[in-house]
Amino acid sequence: MELSALDRTLARLLIDLPPQSEGSEHLWMEGQQAWFKRRSLCAFDKNHIECTRSAYIIRIAELGAITSDANDDKPLRCPTFPAASRYSISAQGLMVVRDADGEVLIAAWPKDQKGWRPFVSYRWKRTKGRLTRLGDDATLTCRSG
């Protein structure tokens, strides 16, 4: 998909989001302005087109998760973040963590993404894993079940 098409897709998605849902008020979701600043840094990357494309694809998936239903969520326990009560991992690797009401608290990607570093990344093995936030390297350790 071309960058201009990705930009239009993101713009439509932002218009359709409920107020206050693009992550600006939550420590584990990157706000749109912060994402845009980081995305702009792709211009300085040697693979700037791939960096920008990856940034858009990842952001579109994260924001799309906010408006999607949580049909296949599994129970989750994160001792230092008790609001997190369930999660799912998509076929593309997007981990979505929700509270008991279904609100998205975290959108995370497997560590070692190519071309773009997601705001929150994770490593998950069987029933437990660790989520790491970009910038300050804050971590959450969680278990399913």
Protein backbone atom coordinates (compact mmCIF):
# COMPACT_ATOMS: atom_id res chain seq x y z
CA MET A 1 0.00 0.00 0.00
CA GLU A 2 1.32 3.45 -0.87
CA LEU A 3 2.07 5.98 1.86
CA SER A 4 -0.63 8.37 0.64
CA ALA A 5 -3.24 5.59 0.92
CA LEU A 6 -2.01 4.72 4.42
CA ASP A 7 -2.24 8.39 5.39
CA ARG A 8 -5.85 8.57 4.16
CA THR A 9 -6.73 5.36 6.02
CA LEU A 10 -5.27 6.73 9.24
CA ALA A 11 -7.10 10.05 8.80
CA ARG A 12 -10.45 8.26 8.34
CA LEU A 13 -9.78 6.10 11.38
CA LEU A 14 -8.95 9.13 13.54
CA ILE A 15 -12.21 10.80 12.52
CA ASP A 16 -14.20 7.69 13.52
CA LEU A 17 -12.56 7.22 16.92
CA PRO A 18 -14.55 8.04 20.04
CA PRO A 19 -13.26 11.15 21.88
CA GLN A 20 -10.20 10.60 24.13
CA SER A 21 -9.47 7.18 22.64
CA GLU A 22 -6.28 7.70 20.68
CA GLY A 23 -4.09 7.12 23.71
CA SER A 24 -3.28 10.67 24.74
CA GLU A 25 -4.44 10.15 28.33
CA HIS A 26 -2.97 6.72 28.96
CA LEU A 27 0.60 5.85 29.91
CA TRP A 28 0.64 2.63 27.91
CA MET A 29 -0.93 4.01 24.71
CA GLU A 30 0.95 6.53 22.62
CA GLY A 31 -0.96 9.76 21.93
CA GLN A 32 -1.45 10.78 18.31
CA GLN A 33 0.77 13.87 18.54
CA ALA A 34 3.60 11.87 20.11
CA TRP A 35 3.21 9.19 17.43
CA PHE A 36 3.29 11.82 14.68
CA LYS A 37 6.52 13.31 16.07
CA ARG A 38 8.13 9.87 16.20
CA ARG A 39 6.86 9.00 12.73
CA SER A 40 8.42 12.21 11.39
CA LEU A 41 11.83 10.92 12.53
CA CYS A 42 11.59 8.22 9.87
CA ALA A 43 12.79 10.90 7.42
CA PHE A 44 16.25 10.50 8.97
CA ASP A 45 16.27 6.69 8.81
CA LYS A 46 18.31 5.12 6.01
CA ASN A 47 15.24 3.03 5.13
CA HIS A 48 12.86 5.96 5.59
CA ILE A 49 10.11 4.66 3.30
CA GLU A 50 9.95 1.28 5.08
CA CYS A 51 10.11 3.02 8.48
CA THR A 52 7.20 5.30 7.56
CA ARG A 53 5.15 2.47 6.04
CA SER A 54 5.67 0.30 9.13
CA ALA A 55 4.74 3.20 11.40
CA TYR A 56 1.45 3.69 9.57
CA ILE A 57 0.57 -0.01 9.39
CA ILE A 58 1.23 -0.46 13.10
CA ARG A 59 -0.66 2.69 14.11
CA ILE A 60 -3.66 1.81 11.96
CA ALA A 61 -3.84 -1.64 13.59
CA GLU A 62 -3.53 -0.15 17.09
CA LEU A 63 -6.26 2.42 16.58
CA GLY A 64 -8.42 -0.15 14.80
CA ALA A 65 -8.25 -2.32 17.91
CA ILE A 66 -9.91 0.44 19.92
CA THR A 67 -13.08 0.17 17.86
CA SER A 68 -13.10 -3.61 17.41
CA ASP A 69 -14.99 -6.12 19.51
CA ALA A 70 -13.11 -8.23 22.02
CA ASN A 71 -14.59 -11.64 21.21
CA ASP A 72 -11.59 -13.90 21.73
CA ASP A 73 -9.98 -12.29 24.78
CA LYS A 74 -8.34 -14.45 27.41
CA PRO A 75 -8.09 -13.62 31.12
CA LEU A 76 -4.96 -11.70 32.15
CA ARG A 77 -3.26 -10.80 35.43
CA CYS A 78 -0.64 -8.07 35.68
CA PRO A 79 0.14 -7.56 39.40
CA THR A 80 1.45 -4.01 38.95
CA PHE A 81 -1.36 -3.01 36.57
CA PRO A 82 -4.56 -4.53 37.99
CA ALA A 83 -6.85 -2.72 35.54
CA ALA A 84 -5.56 -5.05 32.81
CA SER A 85 -7.92 -8.00 32.92
CA ARG A 86 -7.92 -9.62 29.47
CA TYR A 87 -5.93 -9.81 26.26
CA SER A 88 -5.78 -11.16 22.74
CA ILE A 89 -3.02 -11.56 20.19
CA SER A 90 -3.93 -11.16 16.52
CA ALA A 91 -2.54 -13.19 13.64
CA GLN A 92 -0.34 -10.17 12.82
CA GLY A 93 1.08 -10.23 16.36
CA LEU A 94 -0.78 -7.25 17.84
CA MET A 95 -1.42 -7.83 21.55
CA VAL A 96 -4.40 -5.88 22.82
CA VAL A 97 -4.86 -5.57 26.58
CA ARG A 98 -8.27 -4.44 27.84
CA ASP A 99 -9.90 -3.63 31.14
CA ALA A 100 -13.03 -5.36 32.45
CA ASP A 101 -15.25 -2.95 30.45
CA GLY A 102 -13.44 -3.70 27.18
CA GLU A 103 -11.51 -0.43 26.94
CA VAL A 104 -8.12 -0.85 25.27
CA LEU A 105 -5.33 -0.12 27.74
CA ILE A 106 -2.32 -1.37 25.79
CA ALA A 107 -1.55 -2.15 22.17
CA ALA A 108 1.78 -3.99 21.93
CA TRP A 109 3.82 -5.66 19.23
CA PRO A 110 6.40 -8.44 19.37
CA LYS A 111 9.87 -7.17 20.12
CA ASP A 112 12.18 -6.88 17.10
CA GLN A 113 9.83 -5.23 14.60
CA LYS A 114 11.59 -4.22 11.37
CA GLY A 115 11.61 -0.61 10.28
CA TRP A 116 9.75 0.86 13.27
CA ARG A 117 9.88 0.51 17.03
CA PRO A 118 6.38 0.26 18.48
CA PHE A 119 5.56 2.31 21.60
CA VAL A 120 4.95 -0.93 23.55
CA SER A 121 6.58 -4.23 22.65
CA TYR A 122 6.23 -7.64 24.23
CA ARG A 123 7.81 -11.04 24.63
CA TRP A 124 5.30 -13.79 25.40
CA LYS A 125 5.89 -17.47 26.11
CA ARG A 126 2.95 -19.78 26.70
CA THR A 127 1.13 -18.20 29.65
CA LYS A 128 3.38 -15.34 30.69
CA GLY A 129 5.23 -12.42 29.26
CA ARG A 130 6.69 -8.97 29.61
CA LEU A 131 5.57 -5.73 28.01
CA THR A 132 8.08 -2.89 27.62
CA ARG A 133 7.31 0.77 26.94
CA LEU A 134 9.54 2.74 24.58
CA GLY A 135 11.43 5.69 26.01
CA ASP A 136 11.63 4.85 29.70
CA ASP A 137 11.74 1.05 29.34
CA ALA A 138 9.01 0.63 31.96
CA THR A 139 7.88 -3.00 32.07
CA LEU A 140 4.84 -5.03 33.04
CA THR A 141 5.00 -8.72 33.79
CA CYS A 142 1.74 -10.51 33.15
CA ARG A 143 0.22 -14.00 33.14
CA SER A 144 -2.74 -15.36 31.29
CA GLY A 145 -5.40 -17.20 33.23
